[in-house]
Amino acid sequence: EEMDYEHEARKHAEYEKLMKDVPGCYVPKLYPEYCSEVVIVSEYIDGVPLSTLKGLTQVERNKLGKTLFQLYLHEIFRGHLIQTDAHPGNYLYRNGEVVLIDFGACITYPEETLRNYRSLIAELHHGRRENFFSALDEISSKSSAGLVFDQDLLWSYCELAASPLKSKDFDWGTTRLPDELYPLALELVTTSQIDTPPHDFIFLDRKVLGLFSLLKSLRARFDVSSVCAIYID
């Protein structure tokens, strides 16, 4: 699909509509009359790729990081279209706003899949352990995944992984969260049994890892909980 330009042009148009309500975010205008199976034509943006971005103040870094995080939540909670490749080369920075320029890895998810994923995020955000495992049981029962795990261990891992969601001042640049998660992840891998991993979540997890890497490289610091409050009841 990433090599299918007609597919990408359709996703570009859909994403442009989805992101109109996100402040600080811009999607270049698409010119469908000039698009074909061998070319995509869109508005030219004179911006700097995040992969080469330098010289921003901390205030600018914080604002950019907050926008990127809101983009993720907006995809999950307000639509069905997820740009699953959060690579710094897929974003430009222009006059204080983030510009999205690559839509080949956009995936349209069924409402049921995202509803389940939203439930997991919301229950972790609120710290509701029983509701979290109820949502996980529902996901497992509707997929081919056979899950056997230590609930206490999995909850400890997930609660720690989701700790930024509750933070009013999370520093993505200095966090040691991956190091703190590693021993729990290792224990989970060696003690849990998963017959078939839920494939629907693989690209969602890819997006989360890419987003984390982006925010860490930006050294952003902002009130994550206030962004979550916009989307999570």
C-alpha atoms as a PDB file:
ATOM      1  CA  GLU A   1       0.000   0.000   0.000  1.00  0.00           C
ATOM      2  CA  GLU A   2       2.894   2.394   0.675  1.00  0.00           C
ATOM      3  CA  MET A   3       3.851   2.018  -2.998  1.00  0.00           C
ATOM      4  CA  ASP A   4       0.282   2.608  -4.212  1.00  0.00           C
ATOM      5  CA  TYR A   5       0.052   6.343  -4.992  1.00  0.00           C
ATOM      6  CA  GLU A   6      -3.674   6.276  -5.675  1.00  0.00           C
ATOM      7  CA  HIS A   7      -4.224   4.710  -2.268  1.00  0.00           C
ATOM      8  CA  GLU A   8      -1.961   7.304  -0.645  1.00  0.00           C
ATOM      9  CA  ALA A   9      -3.771  10.190  -2.351  1.00  0.00           C
ATOM     10  CA  ARG A  10      -7.088   8.947  -0.952  1.00  0.00           C
ATOM     11  CA  LYS A  11      -5.623   8.711   2.535  1.00  0.00           C
ATOM     12  CA  HIS A  12      -4.092  12.180   2.159  1.00  0.00           C
ATOM     13  CA  ALA A  13      -7.527  13.630   1.393  1.00  0.00           C
ATOM     14  CA  GLU A  14      -9.117  11.805   4.329  1.00  0.00           C
ATOM     15  CA  TYR A  15      -6.384  12.896   6.733  1.00  0.00           C
ATOM     16  CA  GLU A  16      -6.717  16.512   5.639  1.00  0.00           C
ATOM     17  CA  LYS A  17     -10.365  16.458   6.738  1.00  0.00           C
ATOM     18  CA  LEU A  18      -9.596  14.680  10.011  1.00  0.00           C
ATOM     19  CA  MET A  19      -6.908  17.136  11.145  1.00  0.00           C
ATOM     20  CA  LYS A  20      -8.739  20.404  10.498  1.00  0.00           C
ATOM     21  CA  ASP A  21      -9.708  20.640  14.176  1.00  0.00           C
ATOM     22  CA  VAL A  22      -6.210  20.184  15.620  1.00  0.00           C
ATOM     23  CA  PRO A  23      -4.494  23.508  16.442  1.00  0.00           C
ATOM     24  CA  GLY A  24      -0.889  23.817  15.325  1.00  0.00           C
ATOM     25  CA  CYS A  25      -1.296  21.104  12.692  1.00  0.00           C
ATOM     26  CA  TYR A  26      -1.432  21.503   8.924  1.00  0.00           C
ATOM     27  CA  VAL A  27      -1.964  19.054   6.074  1.00  0.00           C
ATOM     28  CA  PRO A  28      -0.916  20.307   2.592  1.00  0.00           C
ATOM     29  CA  LYS A  29      -3.701  20.772   0.079  1.00  0.00           C
ATOM     30  CA  LEU A  30      -3.995  17.887  -2.350  1.00  0.00           C
ATOM     31  CA  TYR A  31      -4.552  18.445  -6.089  1.00  0.00           C
ATOM     32  CA  PRO A  32      -6.421  15.251  -7.091  1.00  0.00           C
ATOM     33  CA  GLU A  33      -6.848  16.368 -10.704  1.00  0.00           C
ATOM     34  CA  TYR A  34      -3.076  15.997 -11.150  1.00  0.00           C
ATOM     35  CA  CYS A  35      -2.646  12.776  -9.156  1.00  0.00           C
ATOM     36  CA  SER A  36      -2.296   9.370 -10.774  1.00  0.00           C
ATOM     37  CA  GLU A  37      -0.849   5.931 -10.163  1.00  0.00           C
ATOM     38  CA  VAL A  38       2.669   7.333 -10.706  1.00  0.00           C
ATOM     39  CA  VAL A  39       2.539  10.743  -9.011  1.00  0.00           C
ATOM     40  CA  ILE A  40       0.956  12.607  -6.086  1.00  0.00           C
ATOM     41  CA  VAL A  41       0.654  16.380  -6.390  1.00  0.00           C
ATOM     42  CA  SER A  42       0.133  18.529  -3.311  1.00  0.00           C
ATOM     43  CA  GLU A  43       0.798  22.043  -2.089  1.00  0.00           C
ATOM     44  CA  TYR A  44       4.472  22.884  -1.690  1.00  0.00           C
ATOM     45  CA  ILE A  45       5.507  23.524   1.922  1.00  0.00           C
ATOM     46  CA  ASP A  46       8.678  25.410   2.740  1.00  0.00           C
ATOM     47  CA  GLY A  47       9.402  23.744   6.068  1.00  0.00           C
ATOM     48  CA  VAL A  48      12.166  21.966   7.953  1.00  0.00           C
ATOM     49  CA  PRO A  49      11.964  18.185   8.530  1.00  0.00           C
ATOM     50  CA  LEU A  50      11.878  17.295  12.215  1.00  0.00           C
ATOM     51  CA  SER A  51      14.831  15.009  11.521  1.00  0.00           C
ATOM     52  CA  THR A  52      17.043  18.056  10.864  1.00  0.00           C
ATOM     53  CA  LEU A  53      15.336  20.599  13.103  1.00  0.00           C
ATOM     54  CA  LYS A  54      17.707  22.644  15.260  1.00  0.00           C
ATOM     55  CA  GLY A  55      17.747  25.842  17.264  1.00  0.00           C
ATOM     56  CA  LEU A  56      14.259  25.759  18.753  1.00  0.00           C
ATOM     57  CA  THR A  57      13.652  27.337  22.146  1.00  0.00           C
ATOM     58  CA  GLN A  58      12.305  25.125  24.914  1.00  0.00           C
ATOM     59  CA  VAL A  59       8.939  26.863  24.617  1.00  0.00           C
ATOM     60  CA  GLU A  60       8.793  25.985  20.915  1.00  0.00           C
ATOM     61  CA  ARG A  61       9.846  22.413  21.628  1.00  0.00           C
ATOM     62  CA  ASN A  62       7.135  22.048  24.236  1.00  0.00           C
ATOM     63  CA  LYS A  63       4.463  23.424  21.913  1.00  0.00           C
ATOM     64  CA  LEU A  64       5.539  21.165  19.054  1.00  0.00           C
ATOM     65  CA  GLY A  65       5.631  18.115  21.308  1.00  0.00           C
ATOM     66  CA  LYS A  66       2.167  18.879  22.661  1.00  0.00           C
ATOM     67  CA  THR A  67       0.813  19.173  19.117  1.00  0.00           C
ATOM     68  CA  LEU A  68       2.321  15.822  18.100  1.00  0.00           C
ATOM     69  CA  PHE A  69       0.790  14.144  21.135  1.00  0.00           C
ATOM     70  CA  GLN A  70      -2.610  15.671  20.431  1.00  0.00           C
ATOM     71  CA  LEU A  71      -2.359  14.456  16.834  1.00  0.00           C
ATOM     72  CA  TYR A  72      -2.043  10.905  18.113  1.00  0.00           C
ATOM     73  CA  LEU A  73      -5.034  11.172  20.449  1.00  0.00           C
ATOM     74  CA  HIS A  74      -7.101  12.880  17.749  1.00  0.00           C
ATOM     75  CA  GLU A  75      -6.441   9.995  15.367  1.00  0.00           C
ATOM     76  CA  ILE A  76      -7.472   7.449  17.989  1.00  0.00           C
ATOM     77  CA  PHE A  77     -10.478   9.191  19.538  1.00  0.00           C
ATOM     78  CA  ARG A  78     -11.906  11.317  16.719  1.00  0.00           C
ATOM     79  CA  GLY A  79     -11.470   9.207  13.605  1.00  0.00           C
ATOM     80  CA  HIS A  80     -10.516   5.841  12.199  1.00  0.00           C
ATOM     81  CA  LEU A  81      -7.438   6.858  10.209  1.00  0.00           C
ATOM     82  CA  ILE A  82      -4.004   6.384  11.797  1.00  0.00           C
ATOM     83  CA  GLN A  83      -0.720   7.534  10.295  1.00  0.00           C
ATOM     84  CA  THR A  84       1.287   4.599  11.635  1.00  0.00           C
ATOM     85  CA  ASP A  85       4.804   5.771  10.705  1.00  0.00           C
ATOM     86  CA  ALA A  86       5.768   8.506  13.178  1.00  0.00           C
ATOM     87  CA  HIS A  87       9.172   9.035  11.562  1.00  0.00           C
ATOM     88  CA  PRO A  88      10.713  12.530  11.925  1.00  0.00           C
ATOM     89  CA  GLY A  89      11.154  12.722   8.142  1.00  0.00           C
ATOM     90  CA  ASN A  90       7.372  12.551   7.744  1.00  0.00           C
ATOM     91  CA  TYR A  91       6.831  15.874   9.500  1.00  0.00           C
ATOM     92  CA  LEU A  92       7.868  19.417   8.699  1.00  0.00           C
ATOM     93  CA  TYR A  93       8.114  22.407  11.006  1.00  0.00           C
ATOM     94  CA  ARG A  94       6.894  25.728   9.636  1.00  0.00           C
ATOM     95  CA  ASN A  95       6.207  28.940  11.558  1.00  0.00           C
ATOM     96  CA  GLY A  96       5.346  27.218  14.805  1.00  0.00           C
ATOM     97  CA  GLU A  97       3.188  24.468  13.316  1.00  0.00           C
ATOM     98  CA  VAL A  98       3.723  20.838  12.378  1.00  0.00           C
ATOM     99  CA  VAL A  99       3.044  19.856   8.763  1.00  0.00           C
ATOM    100  CA  LEU A 100       2.307  16.248   7.807  1.00  0.00           C
ATOM    101  CA  ILE A 101       3.662  15.191   4.423  1.00  0.00           C
ATOM    102  CA  ASP A 102       3.539  11.384   4.068  1.00  0.00           C
ATOM    103  CA  PHE A 103       0.339   9.311   4.115  1.00  0.00           C
ATOM    104  CA  GLY A 104       1.414   6.025   2.570  1.00  0.00           C
ATOM    105  CA  ALA A 105       1.370   4.285   5.964  1.00  0.00           C
ATOM    106  CA  CYS A 106      -2.119   5.507   6.911  1.00  0.00           C
ATOM    107  CA  ILE A 107      -4.417   2.682   7.978  1.00  0.00           C
ATOM    108  CA  THR A 108      -8.187   2.887   8.347  1.00  0.00           C
ATOM    109  CA  TYR A 109      -9.258   0.898  11.403  1.00  0.00           C
ATOM    110  CA  PRO A 110     -12.684  -0.598  12.115  1.00  0.00           C
ATOM    111  CA  GLU A 111     -14.679   1.197  14.806  1.00  0.00           C
ATOM    112  CA  GLU A 112     -14.696  -1.900  17.027  1.00  0.00           C
ATOM    113  CA  THR A 113     -10.903  -2.151  17.022  1.00  0.00           C
ATOM    114  CA  LEU A 114     -10.434   1.497  17.943  1.00  0.00           C
ATOM    115  CA  ARG A 115     -13.207   1.367  20.525  1.00  0.00           C
ATOM    116  CA  ASN A 116     -11.339  -1.418  22.291  1.00  0.00           C
ATOM    117  CA  TYR A 117      -8.036   0.435  22.009  1.00  0.00           C
ATOM    118  CA  ARG A 118      -9.641   3.629  23.362  1.00  0.00           C
ATOM    119  CA  SER A 119     -10.947   1.646  26.310  1.00  0.00           C
ATOM    120  CA  LEU A 120      -7.473   0.399  27.186  1.00  0.00           C
ATOM    121  CA  ILE A 121      -6.039   3.933  27.065  1.00  0.00           C
ATOM    122  CA  ALA A 122      -8.915   5.413  29.082  1.00  0.00           C
ATOM    123  CA  GLU A 123      -8.794   2.767  31.802  1.00  0.00           C
ATOM    124  CA  LEU A 124      -5.029   3.153  32.143  1.00  0.00           C
ATOM    125  CA  HIS A 125      -5.403   6.924  32.281  1.00  0.00           C
ATOM    126  CA  HIS A 126      -7.919   6.620  35.130  1.00  0.00           C
ATOM    127  CA  GLY A 127      -6.057   3.769  36.835  1.00  0.00           C
ATOM    128  CA  ARG A 128      -9.061   1.444  36.722  1.00  0.00           C
ATOM    129  CA  ARG A 129      -7.477  -1.991  36.838  1.00  0.00           C
ATOM    130  CA  GLU A 130     -10.658  -4.106  36.788  1.00  0.00           C
ATOM    131  CA  ASN A 131     -12.087  -2.206  33.811  1.00  0.00           C
ATOM    132  CA  PHE A 132      -8.764  -2.488  31.987  1.00  0.00           C
ATOM    133  CA  PHE A 133      -8.737  -6.271  32.224  1.00  0.00           C
ATOM    134  CA  SER A 134     -12.396  -6.453  31.238  1.00  0.00           C
ATOM    135  CA  ALA A 135     -11.538  -4.534  28.070  1.00  0.00           C
ATOM    136  CA  LEU A 136      -8.532  -6.784  27.464  1.00  0.00           C
ATOM    137  CA  ASP A 137     -10.688  -9.900  27.891  1.00  0.00           C
ATOM    138  CA  GLU A 138     -13.128  -8.551  25.313  1.00  0.00           C
ATOM    139  CA  ILE A 139     -10.317  -7.964  22.828  1.00  0.00           C
ATOM    140  CA  SER A 140      -8.913 -11.431  23.410  1.00  0.00           C
ATOM    141  CA  SER A 141     -12.303 -13.110  23.010  1.00  0.00           C
ATOM    142  CA  LYS A 142     -12.867 -11.463  19.624  1.00  0.00           C
ATOM    143  CA  SER A 143      -9.450 -12.285  18.207  1.00  0.00           C
ATOM    144  CA  SER A 144      -7.461 -15.448  17.648  1.00  0.00           C
ATOM    145  CA  ALA A 145      -5.028 -14.440  20.378  1.00  0.00           C
ATOM    146  CA  GLY A 146      -4.736 -16.908  23.237  1.00  0.00           C
ATOM    147  CA  LEU A 147      -3.461 -14.876  26.214  1.00  0.00           C
ATOM    148  CA  VAL A 148      -1.982 -16.327  29.395  1.00  0.00           C
ATOM    149  CA  PHE A 149      -0.253 -13.844  31.695  1.00  0.00           C
ATOM    150  CA  ASP A 150       0.326 -12.721  35.267  1.00  0.00           C
ATOM    151  CA  GLN A 151      -2.237  -9.971  35.865  1.00  0.00           C
ATOM    152  CA  ASP A 152      -0.189  -8.236  38.561  1.00  0.00           C
ATOM    153  CA  LEU A 153       2.882  -8.159  36.356  1.00  0.00           C
ATOM    154  CA  LEU A 154       1.004  -6.961  33.280  1.00  0.00           C
ATOM    155  CA  TRP A 155      -0.783  -4.253  35.252  1.00  0.00           C
ATOM    156  CA  SER A 156       2.514  -3.024  36.721  1.00  0.00           C
ATOM    157  CA  TYR A 157       3.984  -2.835  33.225  1.00  0.00           C
ATOM    158  CA  CYS A 158       0.991  -1.092  31.636  1.00  0.00           C
ATOM    159  CA  GLU A 159       0.495   1.318  34.530  1.00  0.00           C
ATOM    160  CA  LEU A 160       4.132   2.379  34.338  1.00  0.00           C
ATOM    161  CA  ALA A 161       4.037   2.646  30.523  1.00  0.00           C
ATOM    162  CA  ALA A 162       0.962   4.877  30.765  1.00  0.00           C
ATOM    163  CA  SER A 163       2.311   7.062  33.579  1.00  0.00           C
ATOM    164  CA  PRO A 164       2.954  10.036  31.231  1.00  0.00           C
ATOM    165  CA  LEU A 165      -0.804  10.224  30.600  1.00  0.00           C
ATOM    166  CA  LYS A 166      -1.348  11.383  34.194  1.00  0.00           C
ATOM    167  CA  SER A 167       1.572  13.797  34.338  1.00  0.00           C
ATOM    168  CA  LYS A 168       1.063  17.564  34.472  1.00  0.00           C
ATOM    169  CA  ASP A 169       4.714  18.195  33.653  1.00  0.00           C
ATOM    170  CA  PHE A 170       6.290  15.268  31.824  1.00  0.00           C
ATOM    171  CA  ASP A 171       9.858  15.705  30.596  1.00  0.00           C
ATOM    172  CA  TRP A 172      10.222  13.475  27.525  1.00  0.00           C
ATOM    173  CA  GLY A 173      13.886  14.381  27.076  1.00  0.00           C
ATOM    174  CA  THR A 174      15.121  13.137  30.453  1.00  0.00           C
ATOM    175  CA  THR A 175      12.693  10.298  31.121  1.00  0.00           C
ATOM    176  CA  ARG A 176      14.185   6.881  31.845  1.00  0.00           C
ATOM    177  CA  LEU A 177      10.873   5.160  31.227  1.00  0.00           C
ATOM    178  CA  PRO A 178      12.210   2.646  28.639  1.00  0.00           C
ATOM    179  CA  ASP A 179      14.929   1.542  31.071  1.00  0.00           C
ATOM    180  CA  GLU A 180      12.376   1.208  33.869  1.00  0.00           C
ATOM    181  CA  LEU A 181      10.033  -0.813  31.657  1.00  0.00           C
ATOM    182  CA  TYR A 182      12.689  -3.184  30.337  1.00  0.00           C
ATOM    183  CA  PRO A 183      12.927  -5.617  33.289  1.00  0.00           C
ATOM    184  CA  LEU A 184       9.124  -5.846  33.486  1.00  0.00           C
ATOM    185  CA  ALA A 185       8.914  -6.426  29.727  1.00  0.00           C
ATOM    186  CA  LEU A 186      11.554  -9.133  29.920  1.00  0.00           C
ATOM    187  CA  GLU A 187       9.671 -10.903  32.701  1.00  0.00           C
ATOM    188  CA  LEU A 188       6.421 -10.636  30.743  1.00  0.00           C
ATOM    189  CA  VAL A 189       7.989 -12.158  27.646  1.00  0.00           C
ATOM    190  CA  THR A 190       9.376 -15.103  29.579  1.00  0.00           C
ATOM    191  CA  THR A 191       6.238 -15.806  31.640  1.00  0.00           C
ATOM    192  CA  SER A 192       3.364 -15.011  29.273  1.00  0.00           C
ATOM    193  CA  GLN A 193       1.900 -17.066  26.455  1.00  0.00           C
ATOM    194  CA  ILE A 194       0.386 -15.513  23.351  1.00  0.00           C
ATOM    195  CA  ASP A 195      -0.722 -17.931  20.657  1.00  0.00           C
ATOM    196  CA  THR A 196      -1.231 -15.264  17.987  1.00  0.00           C
ATOM    197  CA  PRO A 197      -0.481 -11.582  18.692  1.00  0.00           C
ATOM    198  CA  PRO A 198      -3.475  -9.318  17.920  1.00  0.00           C
ATOM    199  CA  HIS A 199      -2.320  -8.048  14.521  1.00  0.00           C
ATOM    200  CA  ASP A 200      -4.642  -5.030  14.621  1.00  0.00           C
ATOM    201  CA  PHE A 201      -2.517  -3.476  17.355  1.00  0.00           C
ATOM    202  CA  ILE A 202       0.903  -4.009  15.775  1.00  0.00           C
ATOM    203  CA  PHE A 203       0.826  -0.805  13.735  1.00  0.00           C
ATOM    204  CA  LEU A 204      -0.801   1.131  16.587  1.00  0.00           C
ATOM    205  CA  ASP A 205       2.107   0.093  18.797  1.00  0.00           C
ATOM    206  CA  ARG A 206       4.484   1.127  16.010  1.00  0.00           C
ATOM    207  CA  LYS A 207       2.889   4.582  16.102  1.00  0.00           C
ATOM    208  CA  VAL A 208       3.294   4.837  19.883  1.00  0.00           C
ATOM    209  CA  LEU A 209       6.972   3.884  19.759  1.00  0.00           C
ATOM    210  CA  GLY A 210       7.610   6.361  16.953  1.00  0.00           C
ATOM    211  CA  LEU A 211       5.801   9.121  18.825  1.00  0.00           C
ATOM    212  CA  PHE A 212       7.770   8.447  21.997  1.00  0.00           C
ATOM    213  CA  SER A 213      11.015   8.643  20.044  1.00  0.00           C
ATOM    214  CA  LEU A 214       9.953  11.932  18.437  1.00  0.00           C
ATOM    215  CA  LEU A 215       9.020  13.536  21.755  1.00  0.00           C
ATOM    216  CA  LYS A 216      12.248  12.357  23.366  1.00  0.00           C
ATOM    217  CA  SER A 217      14.398  13.699  20.519  1.00  0.00           C
ATOM    218  CA  LEU A 218      12.566  17.039  20.750  1.00  0.00           C
ATOM    219  CA  ARG A 219      13.176  17.102  24.518  1.00  0.00           C
ATOM    220  CA  ALA A 220       9.616  18.337  24.892  1.00  0.00           C
ATOM    221  CA  ARG A 221       8.060  18.989  28.286  1.00  0.00           C
ATOM    222  CA  PHE A 222       4.353  19.669  28.762  1.00  0.00           C
ATOM    223  CA  ASP A 223       1.152  18.883  30.648  1.00  0.00           C
ATOM    224  CA  VAL A 224       0.164  15.545  29.124  1.00  0.00           C
ATOM    225  CA  SER A 225      -2.867  15.093  31.370  1.00  0.00           C
ATOM    226  CA  SER A 226      -4.508  18.273  30.020  1.00  0.00           C
ATOM    227  CA  VAL A 227      -4.219  16.982  26.444  1.00  0.00           C
ATOM    228  CA  CYS A 228      -5.694  13.640  27.516  1.00  0.00           C
ATOM    229  CA  ALA A 229      -8.606  15.449  29.175  1.00  0.00           C
ATOM    230  CA  ILE A 230      -9.697  16.760  25.758  1.00  0.00           C
ATOM    231  CA  TYR A 231     -10.337  13.212  24.540  1.00  0.00           C
ATOM    232  CA  ILE A 232     -10.733  10.900  27.533  1.00  0.00           C
ATOM    233  CA  ASP A 233     -13.894  11.112  29.648  1.00  0.00           C
END
